[in-house]
Amino acid sequence: IKRLRKTVASVYLDEKIESYILDLVFATRRPQDFRLAELQPLLSFGASPRASINLARAAKAQAFLRRRGYVIPEDIRAVAKEVLRHRLGLTYEAEAENINADEIVTRLVDKIEVP
């Protein structure tokens, strides 16, 4: 297990991919800055900086499982819901509109520009 962890940690993560991860996480905190103002009333709080670390780790693991030594945007998209869903605080308005965290993450992933 230790050897696999080390191998996964060595998967290459380009700076552009890091920026994409940061954009996704920051968009949960300041959606209006990413042309997602419609999400503002649905989020009481967004993902913490730890979310970006874990999103990068999960994307590296996804790339490793796909037999690649580098992360691509599809790896991030594949793990985004699992990593971010429990890190978002939804408002009562979101609950009233039957909008869950997965739907918000889907909107983020669909709107945030991929490098």
PDB file of N, CA and C in Angstrom:
ATOM      1  N   ILE A   1       0.835  -1.190   0.000  1.00  0.00           N
ATOM      2  CA  ILE A   1       0.000   0.000   0.000  1.00  0.00           C
ATOM      3  C   ILE A   1       0.881   1.255   0.000  1.00  0.00           C
ATOM      4  N   LYS A   2       1.941   1.224   0.795  1.00  0.00           N
ATOM      5  CA  LYS A   2       2.837   2.385   0.839  1.00  0.00           C
ATOM      6  C   LYS A   2       3.456   2.650  -0.526  1.00  0.00           C
ATOM      7  N   ARG A   3       3.826   1.590  -1.215  1.00  0.00           N
ATOM      8  CA  ARG A   3       4.439   1.740  -2.536  1.00  0.00           C
ATOM      9  C   ARG A   3       3.430   2.314  -3.541  1.00  0.00           C
ATOM     10  N   LEU A   4       2.186   1.849  -3.468  1.00  0.00           N
ATOM     11  CA  LEU A   4       1.158   2.379  -4.360  1.00  0.00           C
ATOM     12  C   LEU A   4       0.880   3.853  -4.065  1.00  0.00           C
ATOM     13  N   ARG A   5       0.837   4.203  -2.801  1.00  0.00           N
ATOM     14  CA  ARG A   5       0.631   5.607  -2.436  1.00  0.00           C
ATOM     15  C   ARG A   5       1.735   6.485  -3.020  1.00  0.00           C
ATOM     16  N   LYS A   6       2.952   6.000  -2.924  1.00  0.00           N
ATOM     17  CA  LYS A   6       4.089   6.747  -3.454  1.00  0.00           C
ATOM     18  C   LYS A   6       3.984   6.891  -4.973  1.00  0.00           C
ATOM     19  N   THR A   7       3.578   5.814  -5.629  1.00  0.00           N
ATOM     20  CA  THR A   7       3.417   5.842  -7.081  1.00  0.00           C
ATOM     21  C   THR A   7       2.322   6.818  -7.486  1.00  0.00           C
ATOM     22  N   VAL A   8       1.190   6.772  -6.796  1.00  0.00           N
ATOM     23  CA  VAL A   8       0.086   7.691  -7.104  1.00  0.00           C
ATOM     24  C   VAL A   8       0.515   9.132  -6.864  1.00  0.00           C
ATOM     25  N   ALA A   9       1.243   9.368  -5.798  1.00  0.00           N
ATOM     26  CA  ALA A   9       1.711  10.732  -5.498  1.00  0.00           C
ATOM     27  C   ALA A   9       2.650  11.261  -6.579  1.00  0.00           C
ATOM     28  N   SER A  10       3.324  10.367  -7.291  1.00  0.00           N
ATOM     29  CA  SER A  10       4.266  10.798  -8.329  1.00  0.00           C
ATOM     30  C   SER A  10       3.604  11.050  -9.681  1.00  0.00           C
ATOM     31  N   VAL A  11       2.300  10.809  -9.791  1.00  0.00           N
ATOM     32  CA  VAL A  11       1.585  11.101 -11.035  1.00  0.00           C
ATOM     33  C   VAL A  11       1.689  12.606 -11.298  1.00  0.00           C
ATOM     34  N   TYR A  12       1.992  12.959 -12.544  1.00  0.00           N
ATOM     35  CA  TYR A  12       2.247  14.357 -12.912  1.00  0.00           C
ATOM     36  C   TYR A  12       0.954  15.164 -12.938  1.00  0.00           C
ATOM     37  N   LEU A  13       1.021  16.356 -12.336  1.00  0.00           N
ATOM     38  CA  LEU A  13      -0.101  17.287 -12.315  1.00  0.00           C
ATOM     39  C   LEU A  13       0.400  18.621 -12.849  1.00  0.00           C
ATOM     40  N   ASP A  14       0.005  18.956 -14.061  1.00  0.00           N
ATOM     41  CA  ASP A  14       0.453  20.181 -14.715  1.00  0.00           C
ATOM     42  C   ASP A  14      -0.101  21.418 -13.997  1.00  0.00           C
ATOM     43  N   GLU A  15       0.593  22.532 -14.140  1.00  0.00           N
ATOM     44  CA  GLU A  15       0.154  23.785 -13.527  1.00  0.00           C
ATOM     45  C   GLU A  15      -1.229  24.210 -14.013  1.00  0.00           C
ATOM     46  N   LYS A  16      -1.528  23.963 -15.282  1.00  0.00           N
ATOM     47  CA  LYS A  16      -2.847  24.315 -15.813  1.00  0.00           C
ATOM     48  C   LYS A  16      -3.941  23.489 -15.143  1.00  0.00           C
ATOM     49  N   ILE A  17      -3.635  22.240 -14.868  1.00  0.00           N
ATOM     50  CA  ILE A  17      -4.596  21.375 -14.186  1.00  0.00           C
ATOM     51  C   ILE A  17      -4.756  21.833 -12.732  1.00  0.00           C
ATOM     52  N   GLU A  18      -3.668  22.246 -12.106  1.00  0.00           N
ATOM     53  CA  GLU A  18      -3.748  22.790 -10.747  1.00  0.00           C
ATOM     54  C   GLU A  18      -4.641  24.025 -10.728  1.00  0.00           C
ATOM     55  N   SER A  19      -4.497  24.886 -11.723  1.00  0.00           N
ATOM     56  CA  SER A  19      -5.330  26.088 -11.815  1.00  0.00           C
ATOM     57  C   SER A  19      -6.797  25.731 -11.987  1.00  0.00           C
ATOM     58  N   TYR A  20      -7.057  24.702 -12.773  1.00  0.00           N
ATOM     59  CA  TYR A  20      -8.433  24.231 -12.973  1.00  0.00           C
ATOM     60  C   TYR A  20      -9.030  23.763 -11.644  1.00  0.00           C
ATOM     61  N   ILE A  21      -8.258  23.016 -10.881  1.00  0.00           N
ATOM     62  CA  ILE A  21      -8.711  22.547  -9.569  1.00  0.00           C
ATOM     63  C   ILE A  21      -9.012  23.743  -8.668  1.00  0.00           C
ATOM     64  N   LEU A  22      -8.103  24.713  -8.640  1.00  0.00           N
ATOM     65  CA  LEU A  22      -8.310  25.895  -7.801  1.00  0.00           C
ATOM     66  C   LEU A  22      -9.538  26.680  -8.244  1.00  0.00           C
ATOM     67  N   ASP A  23      -9.741  26.799  -9.546  1.00  0.00           N
ATOM     68  CA  ASP A  23     -10.926  27.494 -10.046  1.00  0.00           C
ATOM     69  C   ASP A  23     -12.204  26.806  -9.577  1.00  0.00           C
ATOM     70  N   LEU A  24     -12.236  25.485  -9.653  1.00  0.00           N
ATOM     71  CA  LEU A  24     -13.419  24.745  -9.200  1.00  0.00           C
ATOM     72  C   LEU A  24     -13.690  24.991  -7.723  1.00  0.00           C
ATOM     73  N   VAL A  25     -12.655  24.934  -6.919  1.00  0.00           N
ATOM     74  CA  VAL A  25     -12.830  25.111  -5.481  1.00  0.00           C
ATOM     75  C   VAL A  25     -13.186  26.559  -5.149  1.00  0.00           C
ATOM     76  N   PHE A  26     -12.491  27.521  -5.748  1.00  0.00           N
ATOM     77  CA  PHE A  26     -12.807  28.925  -5.482  1.00  0.00           C
ATOM     78  C   PHE A  26     -14.215  29.280  -5.961  1.00  0.00           C
ATOM     79  N   ALA A  27     -14.670  28.651  -7.014  1.00  0.00           N
ATOM     80  CA  ALA A  27     -16.012  28.924  -7.525  1.00  0.00           C
ATOM     81  C   ALA A  27     -17.086  28.486  -6.540  1.00  0.00           C
ATOM     82  N   THR A  28     -16.778  27.567  -5.646  1.00  0.00           N
ATOM     83  CA  THR A  28     -17.753  27.184  -4.627  1.00  0.00           C
ATOM     84  C   THR A  28     -17.871  28.262  -3.558  1.00  0.00           C
ATOM     85  N   ARG A  29     -16.816  29.074  -3.426  1.00  0.00           N
ATOM     86  CA  ARG A  29     -16.825  30.132  -2.411  1.00  0.00           C
ATOM     87  C   ARG A  29     -17.260  31.482  -2.960  1.00  0.00           C
ATOM     88  N   ARG A  30     -16.880  31.738  -4.206  1.00  0.00           N
ATOM     89  CA  ARG A  30     -17.214  33.019  -4.850  1.00  0.00           C
ATOM     90  C   ARG A  30     -17.758  32.762  -6.256  1.00  0.00           C
ATOM     91  N   PRO A  31     -18.925  32.153  -6.351  1.00  0.00           N
ATOM     92  CA  PRO A  31     -19.436  31.790  -7.679  1.00  0.00           C
ATOM     93  C   PRO A  31     -19.619  32.986  -8.615  1.00  0.00           C
ATOM     94  N   GLN A  32     -19.918  34.150  -8.068  1.00  0.00           N
ATOM     95  CA  GLN A  32     -20.125  35.331  -8.909  1.00  0.00           C
ATOM     96  C   GLN A  32     -18.853  35.711  -9.661  1.00  0.00           C
ATOM     97  N   ASP A  33     -17.686  35.397  -9.121  1.00  0.00           N
ATOM     98  CA  ASP A  33     -16.416  35.704  -9.789  1.00  0.00           C
ATOM     99  C   ASP A  33     -16.156  34.792 -10.988  1.00  0.00           C
ATOM    100  N   PHE A  34     -16.948  33.733 -11.105  1.00  0.00           N
ATOM    101  CA  PHE A  34     -16.769  32.759 -12.182  1.00  0.00           C
ATOM    102  C   PHE A  34     -18.013  32.683 -13.073  1.00  0.00           C
ATOM    103  N   ARG A  35     -18.753  33.784 -13.113  1.00  0.00           N
ATOM    104  CA  ARG A  35     -19.978  33.869 -13.921  1.00  0.00           C
ATOM    105  C   ARG A  35     -20.988  32.791 -13.539  1.00  0.00           C
ATOM    106  N   LEU A  36     -21.080  32.527 -12.241  1.00  0.00           N
ATOM    107  CA  LEU A  36     -22.026  31.559 -11.714  1.00  0.00           C
ATOM    108  C   LEU A  36     -22.852  32.173 -10.585  1.00  0.00           C
ATOM    109  N   ALA A  37     -23.239  33.417 -10.777  1.00  0.00           N
ATOM    110  CA  ALA A  37     -23.964  34.148  -9.732  1.00  0.00           C
ATOM    111  C   ALA A  37     -25.240  33.436  -9.306  1.00  0.00           C
ATOM    112  N   GLU A  38     -25.814  32.623 -10.182  1.00  0.00           N
ATOM    113  CA  GLU A  38     -27.050  31.907  -9.832  1.00  0.00           C
ATOM    114  C   GLU A  38     -26.827  30.875  -8.723  1.00  0.00           C
ATOM    115  N   LEU A  39     -25.558  30.512  -8.483  1.00  0.00           N
ATOM    116  CA  LEU A  39     -25.252  29.563  -7.412  1.00  0.00           C
ATOM    117  C   LEU A  39     -25.094  30.238  -6.049  1.00  0.00           C
ATOM    118  N   GLN A  40     -24.866  31.537  -6.040  1.00  0.00           N
ATOM    119  CA  GLN A  40     -24.634  32.274  -4.793  1.00  0.00           C
ATOM    120  C   GLN A  40     -25.736  32.036  -3.757  1.00  0.00           C
ATOM    121  N   PRO A  41     -27.008  32.164  -4.120  1.00  0.00           N
ATOM    122  CA  PRO A  41     -28.049  31.961  -3.100  1.00  0.00           C
ATOM    123  C   PRO A  41     -28.239  30.495  -2.685  1.00  0.00           C
ATOM    124  N   LEU A  42     -27.576  29.577  -3.374  1.00  0.00           N
ATOM    125  CA  LEU A  42     -27.729  28.160  -3.065  1.00  0.00           C
ATOM    126  C   LEU A  42     -26.648  27.642  -2.120  1.00  0.00           C
ATOM    127  N   LEU A  43     -25.580  28.424  -1.945  1.00  0.00           N
ATOM    128  CA  LEU A  43     -24.437  27.991  -1.138  1.00  0.00           C
ATOM    129  C   LEU A  43     -24.281  28.860   0.106  1.00  0.00           C
ATOM    130  N   SER A  44     -24.333  28.236   1.268  1.00  0.00           N
ATOM    131  CA  SER A  44     -24.069  29.002   2.491  1.00  0.00           C
ATOM    132  C   SER A  44     -22.566  29.055   2.749  1.00  0.00           C
ATOM    133  N   PHE A  45     -21.837  28.010   2.352  1.00  0.00           N
ATOM    134  CA  PHE A  45     -20.373  28.039   2.379  1.00  0.00           C
ATOM    135  C   PHE A  45     -19.835  27.069   1.342  1.00  0.00           C
ATOM    136  N   GLY A  46     -18.633  27.383   0.872  1.00  0.00           N
ATOM    137  CA  GLY A  46     -18.012  26.568  -0.171  1.00  0.00           C
ATOM    138  C   GLY A  46     -16.924  25.672   0.380  1.00  0.00           C
ATOM    139  N   ALA A  47     -16.250  25.010  -0.528  1.00  0.00           N
ATOM    140  CA  ALA A  47     -15.202  24.048  -0.176  1.00  0.00           C
ATOM    141  C   ALA A  47     -13.984  24.783   0.388  1.00  0.00           C
ATOM    142  N   SER A  48     -13.313  24.136   1.321  1.00  0.00           N
ATOM    143  CA  SER A  48     -12.133  24.708   1.960  1.00  0.00           C
ATOM    144  C   SER A  48     -10.894  24.456   1.097  1.00  0.00           C
ATOM    145  N   PRO A  49      -9.771  25.079   1.451  1.00  0.00           N
ATOM    146  CA  PRO A  49      -8.530  24.816   0.710  1.00  0.00           C
ATOM    147  C   PRO A  49      -8.137  23.332   0.712  1.00  0.00           C
ATOM    148  N   ARG A  50      -8.528  22.623   1.748  1.00  0.00           N
ATOM    149  CA  ARG A  50      -8.258  21.198   1.812  1.00  0.00           C
ATOM    150  C   ARG A  50      -8.930  20.444   0.665  1.00  0.00           C
ATOM    151  N   ALA A  51     -10.034  20.966   0.178  1.00  0.00           N
ATOM    152  CA  ALA A  51     -10.733  20.330  -0.936  1.00  0.00           C
ATOM    153  C   ALA A  51      -9.851  20.285  -2.180  1.00  0.00           C
ATOM    154  N   SER A  52      -9.088  21.345  -2.414  1.00  0.00           N
ATOM    155  CA  SER A  52      -8.219  21.362  -3.591  1.00  0.00           C
ATOM    156  C   SER A  52      -7.114  20.320  -3.467  1.00  0.00           C
ATOM    157  N   ILE A  53      -6.598  20.139  -2.263  1.00  0.00           N
ATOM    158  CA  ILE A  53      -5.579  19.113  -2.043  1.00  0.00           C
ATOM    159  C   ILE A  53      -6.154  17.732  -2.318  1.00  0.00           C
ATOM    160  N   ASN A  54      -7.329  17.478  -1.782  1.00  0.00           N
ATOM    161  CA  ASN A  54      -7.934  16.162  -1.956  1.00  0.00           C
ATOM    162  C   ASN A  54      -8.438  15.932  -3.373  1.00  0.00           C
ATOM    163  N   LEU A  55      -8.848  16.982  -4.037  1.00  0.00           N
ATOM    164  CA  LEU A  55      -9.253  16.845  -5.434  1.00  0.00           C
ATOM    165  C   LEU A  55      -8.044  16.476  -6.292  1.00  0.00           C
ATOM    166  N   ALA A  56      -6.912  17.084  -6.025  1.00  0.00           N
ATOM    167  CA  ALA A  56      -5.679  16.744  -6.752  1.00  0.00           C
ATOM    168  C   ALA A  56      -5.271  15.305  -6.471  1.00  0.00           C
ATOM    169  N   ARG A  57      -5.329  14.889  -5.221  1.00  0.00           N
ATOM    170  CA  ARG A  57      -4.972  13.506  -4.865  1.00  0.00           C
ATOM    171  C   ARG A  57      -5.895  12.496  -5.539  1.00  0.00           C
ATOM    172  N   ALA A  58      -7.178  12.772  -5.497  1.00  0.00           N
ATOM    173  CA  ALA A  58      -8.141  11.850  -6.107  1.00  0.00           C
ATOM    174  C   ALA A  58      -7.963  11.801  -7.625  1.00  0.00           C
ATOM    175  N   ALA A  59      -7.673  12.948  -8.237  1.00  0.00           N
ATOM    176  CA  ALA A  59      -7.448  12.983  -9.688  1.00  0.00           C
ATOM    177  C   ALA A  59      -6.195  12.195 -10.060  1.00  0.00           C
ATOM    178  N   LYS A  60      -5.175  12.284  -9.232  1.00  0.00           N
ATOM    179  CA  LYS A  60      -3.961  11.494  -9.478  1.00  0.00           C
ATOM    180  C   LYS A  60      -4.268  10.000  -9.381  1.00  0.00           C
ATOM    181  N   ALA A  61      -5.050   9.623  -8.395  1.00  0.00           N
ATOM    182  CA  ALA A  61      -5.431   8.213  -8.248  1.00  0.00           C
ATOM    183  C   ALA A  61      -6.254   7.759  -9.446  1.00  0.00           C
ATOM    184  N   GLN A  62      -7.147   8.613  -9.918  1.00  0.00           N
ATOM    185  CA  GLN A  62      -7.962   8.295 -11.092  1.00  0.00           C
ATOM    186  C   GLN A  62      -7.073   8.093 -12.322  1.00  0.00           C
ATOM    187  N   ALA A  63      -6.104   8.979 -12.506  1.00  0.00           N
ATOM    188  CA  ALA A  63      -5.176   8.846 -13.638  1.00  0.00           C
ATOM    189  C   ALA A  63      -4.388   7.547 -13.524  1.00  0.00           C
ATOM    190  N   PHE A  64      -3.927   7.233 -12.326  1.00  0.00           N
ATOM    191  CA  PHE A  64      -3.188   5.988 -12.099  1.00  0.00           C
ATOM    192  C   PHE A  64      -4.051   4.776 -12.456  1.00  0.00           C
ATOM    193  N   LEU A  65      -5.299   4.791 -12.027  1.00  0.00           N
ATOM    194  CA  LEU A  65      -6.203   3.678 -12.336  1.00  0.00           C
ATOM    195  C   LEU A  65      -6.486   3.559 -13.829  1.00  0.00           C
ATOM    196  N   ARG A  66      -6.366   4.665 -14.532  1.00  0.00           N
ATOM    197  CA  ARG A  66      -6.561   4.671 -15.990  1.00  0.00           C
ATOM    198  C   ARG A  66      -5.239   4.420 -16.721  1.00  0.00           C
ATOM    199  N   ARG A  67      -4.211   4.059 -15.957  1.00  0.00           N
ATOM    200  CA  ARG A  67      -2.894   3.698 -16.483  1.00  0.00           C
ATOM    201  C   ARG A  67      -2.178   4.844 -17.187  1.00  0.00           C
ATOM    202  N   ARG A  68      -2.309   6.029 -16.574  1.00  0.00           N
ATOM    203  CA  ARG A  68      -1.612   7.203 -17.081  1.00  0.00           C
ATOM    204  C   ARG A  68      -0.719   7.755 -15.996  1.00  0.00           C
ATOM    205  N   GLY A  69       0.383   8.345 -16.398  1.00  0.00           N
ATOM    206  CA  GLY A  69       1.303   8.967 -15.459  1.00  0.00           C
ATOM    207  C   GLY A  69       1.069  10.453 -15.316  1.00  0.00           C
ATOM    208  N   TYR A  70      -0.062  10.941 -15.788  1.00  0.00           N
ATOM    209  CA  TYR A  70      -0.381  12.365 -15.740  1.00  0.00           C
ATOM    210  C   TYR A  70      -1.892  12.536 -15.621  1.00  0.00           C
ATOM    211  N   VAL A  71      -2.299  13.654 -15.042  1.00  0.00           N
ATOM    212  CA  VAL A  71      -3.711  13.962 -14.825  1.00  0.00           C
ATOM    213  C   VAL A  71      -4.237  14.780 -16.000  1.00  0.00           C
ATOM    214  N   ILE A  72      -5.442  14.458 -16.435  1.00  0.00           N
ATOM    215  CA  ILE A  72      -6.139  15.231 -17.462  1.00  0.00           C
ATOM    216  C   ILE A  72      -7.439  15.767 -16.845  1.00  0.00           C
ATOM    217  N   PRO A  73      -8.040  16.777 -17.454  1.00  0.00           N
ATOM    218  CA  PRO A  73      -9.273  17.345 -16.890  1.00  0.00           C
ATOM    219  C   PRO A  73     -10.379  16.309 -16.641  1.00  0.00           C
ATOM    220  N   GLU A  74     -10.449  15.296 -17.470  1.00  0.00           N
ATOM    221  CA  GLU A  74     -11.480  14.273 -17.285  1.00  0.00           C
ATOM    222  C   GLU A  74     -11.307  13.522 -15.967  1.00  0.00           C
ATOM    223  N   ASP A  75     -10.070  13.420 -15.500  1.00  0.00           N
ATOM    224  CA  ASP A  75      -9.831  12.785 -14.201  1.00  0.00           C
ATOM    225  C   ASP A  75     -10.460  13.617 -13.084  1.00  0.00           C
ATOM    226  N   ILE A  76     -10.315  14.911 -13.180  1.00  0.00           N
ATOM    227  CA  ILE A  76     -10.882  15.806 -12.176  1.00  0.00           C
ATOM    228  C   ILE A  76     -12.408  15.748 -12.228  1.00  0.00           C
ATOM    229  N   ARG A  77     -12.942  15.796 -13.431  1.00  0.00           N
ATOM    230  CA  ARG A  77     -14.386  15.730 -13.598  1.00  0.00           C
ATOM    231  C   ARG A  77     -14.949  14.418 -13.050  1.00  0.00           C
ATOM    232  N   ALA A  78     -14.186  13.336 -13.188  1.00  0.00           N
ATOM    233  CA  ALA A  78     -14.644  12.020 -12.739  1.00  0.00           C
ATOM    234  C   ALA A  78     -14.748  11.923 -11.216  1.00  0.00           C
ATOM    235  N   VAL A  79     -13.932  12.669 -10.499  1.00  0.00           N
ATOM    236  CA  VAL A  79     -13.912  12.556  -9.034  1.00  0.00           C
ATOM    237  C   VAL A  79     -14.491  13.775  -8.320  1.00  0.00           C
ATOM    238  N   ALA A  80     -14.861  14.801  -9.061  1.00  0.00           N
ATOM    239  CA  ALA A  80     -15.292  16.068  -8.453  1.00  0.00           C
ATOM    240  C   ALA A  80     -16.478  15.905  -7.509  1.00  0.00           C
ATOM    241  N   LYS A  81     -17.482  15.170  -7.917  1.00  0.00           N
ATOM    242  CA  LYS A  81     -18.662  15.018  -7.047  1.00  0.00           C
ATOM    243  C   LYS A  81     -18.303  14.330  -5.737  1.00  0.00           C
ATOM    244  N   GLU A  82     -17.542  13.258  -5.836  1.00  0.00           N
ATOM    245  CA  GLU A  82     -17.190  12.510  -4.634  1.00  0.00           C
ATOM    246  C   GLU A  82     -16.352  13.343  -3.665  1.00  0.00           C
ATOM    247  N   VAL A  83     -15.493  14.180  -4.203  1.00  0.00           N
ATOM    248  CA  VAL A  83     -14.617  14.980  -3.347  1.00  0.00           C
ATOM    249  C   VAL A  83     -15.345  16.207  -2.799  1.00  0.00           C
ATOM    250  N   LEU A  84     -16.173  16.844  -3.604  1.00  0.00           N
ATOM    251  CA  LEU A  84     -16.749  18.133  -3.207  1.00  0.00           C
ATOM    252  C   LEU A  84     -18.129  18.067  -2.565  1.00  0.00           C
ATOM    253  N   ARG A  85     -18.903  17.029  -2.827  1.00  0.00           N
ATOM    254  CA  ARG A  85     -20.307  17.029  -2.391  1.00  0.00           C
ATOM    255  C   ARG A  85     -20.486  17.274  -0.897  1.00  0.00           C
ATOM    256  N   HIS A  86     -19.681  16.675  -0.076  1.00  0.00           N
ATOM    257  CA  HIS A  86     -19.854  16.833   1.375  1.00  0.00           C
ATOM    258  C   HIS A  86     -19.139  18.067   1.927  1.00  0.00           C
ATOM    259  N   ARG A  87     -18.479  18.806   1.045  1.00  0.00           N
ATOM    260  CA  ARG A  87     -17.746  19.994   1.486  1.00  0.00           C
ATOM    261  C   ARG A  87     -18.520  21.283   1.225  1.00  0.00           C
ATOM    262  N   LEU A  88     -19.710  21.156   0.671  1.00  0.00           N
ATOM    263  CA  LEU A  88     -20.523  22.325   0.361  1.00  0.00           C
ATOM    264  C   LEU A  88     -21.661  22.454   1.365  1.00  0.00           C
ATOM    265  N   GLY A  89     -21.876  23.677   1.810  1.00  0.00           N
ATOM    266  CA  GLY A  89     -23.016  23.955   2.675  1.00  0.00           C
ATOM    267  C   GLY A  89     -24.127  24.550   1.829  1.00  0.00           C
ATOM    268  N   LEU A  90     -25.237  23.853   1.765  1.00  0.00           N
ATOM    269  CA  LEU A  90     -26.357  24.338   0.966  1.00  0.00           C
ATOM    270  C   LEU A  90     -27.296  25.178   1.819  1.00  0.00           C
ATOM    271  N   THR A  91     -27.920  26.144   1.191  1.00  0.00           N
ATOM    272  CA  THR A  91     -28.863  27.010   1.887  1.00  0.00           C
ATOM    273  C   THR A  91     -30.243  26.360   1.915  1.00  0.00           C
ATOM    274  N   TYR A  92     -31.117  26.976   2.690  1.00  0.00           N
ATOM    275  CA  TYR A  92     -32.503  26.502   2.726  1.00  0.00           C
ATOM    276  C   TYR A  92     -33.162  26.686   1.361  1.00  0.00           C
ATOM    277  N   GLU A  93     -32.713  27.708   0.646  1.00  0.00           N
ATOM    278  CA  GLU A  93     -33.251  27.946  -0.702  1.00  0.00           C
ATOM    279  C   GLU A  93     -32.934  26.772  -1.624  1.00  0.00           C
ATOM    280  N   ALA A  94     -31.730  26.250  -1.544  1.00  0.00           N
ATOM    281  CA  ALA A  94     -31.353  25.083  -2.349  1.00  0.00           C
ATOM    282  C   ALA A  94     -32.222  23.891  -1.987  1.00  0.00           C
ATOM    283  N   GLU A  95     -32.419  23.689  -0.691  1.00  0.00           N
ATOM    284  CA  GLU A  95     -33.269  22.585  -0.250  1.00  0.00           C
ATOM    285  C   GLU A  95     -34.701  22.770  -0.727  1.00  0.00           C
ATOM    286  N   ALA A  96     -35.199  23.996  -0.658  1.00  0.00           N
ATOM    287  CA  ALA A  96     -36.569  24.274  -1.105  1.00  0.00           C
ATOM    288  C   ALA A  96     -36.735  24.016  -2.597  1.00  0.00           C
ATOM    289  N   GLU A  97     -35.676  24.230  -3.353  1.00  0.00           N
ATOM    290  CA  GLU A  97     -35.717  23.998  -4.802  1.00  0.00           C
ATOM    291  C   GLU A  97     -35.281  22.581  -5.170  1.00  0.00           C
ATOM    292  N   ASN A  98     -35.066  21.733  -4.152  1.00  0.00           N
ATOM    293  CA  ASN A  98     -34.633  20.347  -4.357  1.00  0.00           C
ATOM    294  C   ASN A  98     -33.334  20.254  -5.149  1.00  0.00           C
ATOM    295  N   ILE A  99     -32.429  21.151  -4.840  1.00  0.00           N
ATOM    296  CA  ILE A  99     -31.108  21.145  -5.477  1.00  0.00           C
ATOM    297  C   ILE A  99     -30.118  20.568  -4.480  1.00  0.00           C
ATOM    298  N   ASN A 100     -29.414  19.528  -4.896  1.00  0.00           N
ATOM    299  CA  ASN A 100     -28.435  18.902  -4.005  1.00  0.00           C
ATOM    300  C   ASN A 100     -27.016  19.287  -4.426  1.00  0.00           C
ATOM    301  N   ALA A 101     -26.056  18.887  -3.622  1.00  0.00           N
ATOM    302  CA  ALA A 101     -24.657  19.244  -3.865  1.00  0.00           C
ATOM    303  C   ALA A 101     -24.141  18.685  -5.186  1.00  0.00           C
ATOM    304  N   ASP A 102     -24.586  17.483  -5.561  1.00  0.00           N
ATOM    305  CA  ASP A 102     -24.154  16.905  -6.839  1.00  0.00           C
ATOM    306  C   ASP A 102     -24.555  17.794  -8.015  1.00  0.00           C
ATOM    307  N   GLU A 103     -25.744  18.359  -7.955  1.00  0.00           N
ATOM    308  CA  GLU A 103     -26.197  19.238  -9.033  1.00  0.00           C
ATOM    309  C   GLU A 103     -25.352  20.504  -9.101  1.00  0.00           C
ATOM    310  N   ILE A 104     -24.986  21.019  -7.951  1.00  0.00           N
ATOM    311  CA  ILE A 104     -24.147  22.220  -7.922  1.00  0.00           C
ATOM    312  C   ILE A 104     -22.767  21.902  -8.484  1.00  0.00           C
ATOM    313  N   VAL A 105     -22.191  20.778  -8.089  1.00  0.00           N
ATOM    314  CA  VAL A 105     -20.876  20.394  -8.613  1.00  0.00           C
ATOM    315  C   VAL A 105     -20.955  20.190 -10.123  1.00  0.00           C
ATOM    316  N   THR A 106     -22.032  19.587 -10.602  1.00  0.00           N
ATOM    317  CA  THR A 106     -22.210  19.402 -12.042  1.00  0.00           C
ATOM    318  C   THR A 106     -22.234  20.751 -12.756  1.00  0.00           C
ATOM    319  N   ARG A 107     -22.943  21.714 -12.203  1.00  0.00           N
ATOM    320  CA  ARG A 107     -22.978  23.053 -12.803  1.00  0.00           C
ATOM    321  C   ARG A 107     -21.581  23.675 -12.826  1.00  0.00           C
ATOM    322  N   LEU A 108     -20.846  23.522 -11.729  1.00  0.00           N
ATOM    323  CA  LEU A 108     -19.478  24.053 -11.673  1.00  0.00           C
ATOM    324  C   LEU A 108     -18.606  23.447 -12.751  1.00  0.00           C
ATOM    325  N   VAL A 109     -18.629  22.137 -12.830  1.00  0.00           N
ATOM    326  CA  VAL A 109     -17.787  21.424 -13.781  1.00  0.00           C
ATOM    327  C   VAL A 109     -18.176  21.775 -15.218  1.00  0.00           C
ATOM    328  N   ASP A 110     -19.458  21.977 -15.457  1.00  0.00           N
ATOM    329  CA  ASP A 110     -19.919  22.338 -16.806  1.00  0.00           C
ATOM    330  C   ASP A 110     -19.543  23.767 -17.195  1.00  0.00           C
ATOM    331  N   LYS A 111     -19.449  24.663 -16.227  1.00  0.00           N
ATOM    332  CA  LYS A 111     -19.224  26.086 -16.527  1.00  0.00           C
ATOM    333  C   LYS A 111     -17.762  26.530 -16.438  1.00  0.00           C
ATOM    334  N   ILE A 112     -17.007  25.922 -15.533  1.00  0.00           N
ATOM    335  CA  ILE A 112     -15.624  26.364 -15.348  1.00  0.00           C
ATOM    336  C   ILE A 112     -14.805  25.915 -16.549  1.00  0.00           C
ATOM    337  N   GLU A 113     -14.065  26.836 -17.102  1.00  0.00           N
ATOM    338  CA  GLU A 113     -13.275  26.547 -18.315  1.00  0.00           C
ATOM    339  C   GLU A 113     -12.181  25.539 -18.047  1.00  0.00           C
ATOM    340  N   VAL A 114     -12.120  24.553 -18.922  1.00  0.00           N
ATOM    341  CA  VAL A 114     -11.123  23.492 -18.839  1.00  0.00           C
ATOM    342  C   VAL A 114      -9.877  23.942 -19.598  1.00  0.00           C
ATOM    343  N   PRO A 115      -8.704  23.734 -19.022  1.00  0.00           N
ATOM    344  CA  PRO A 115      -7.474  24.157 -19.715  1.00  0.00           C
ATOM    345  C   PRO A 115      -7.199  23.335 -20.964  1.00  0.00           C
TER     346      PRO A 115
END
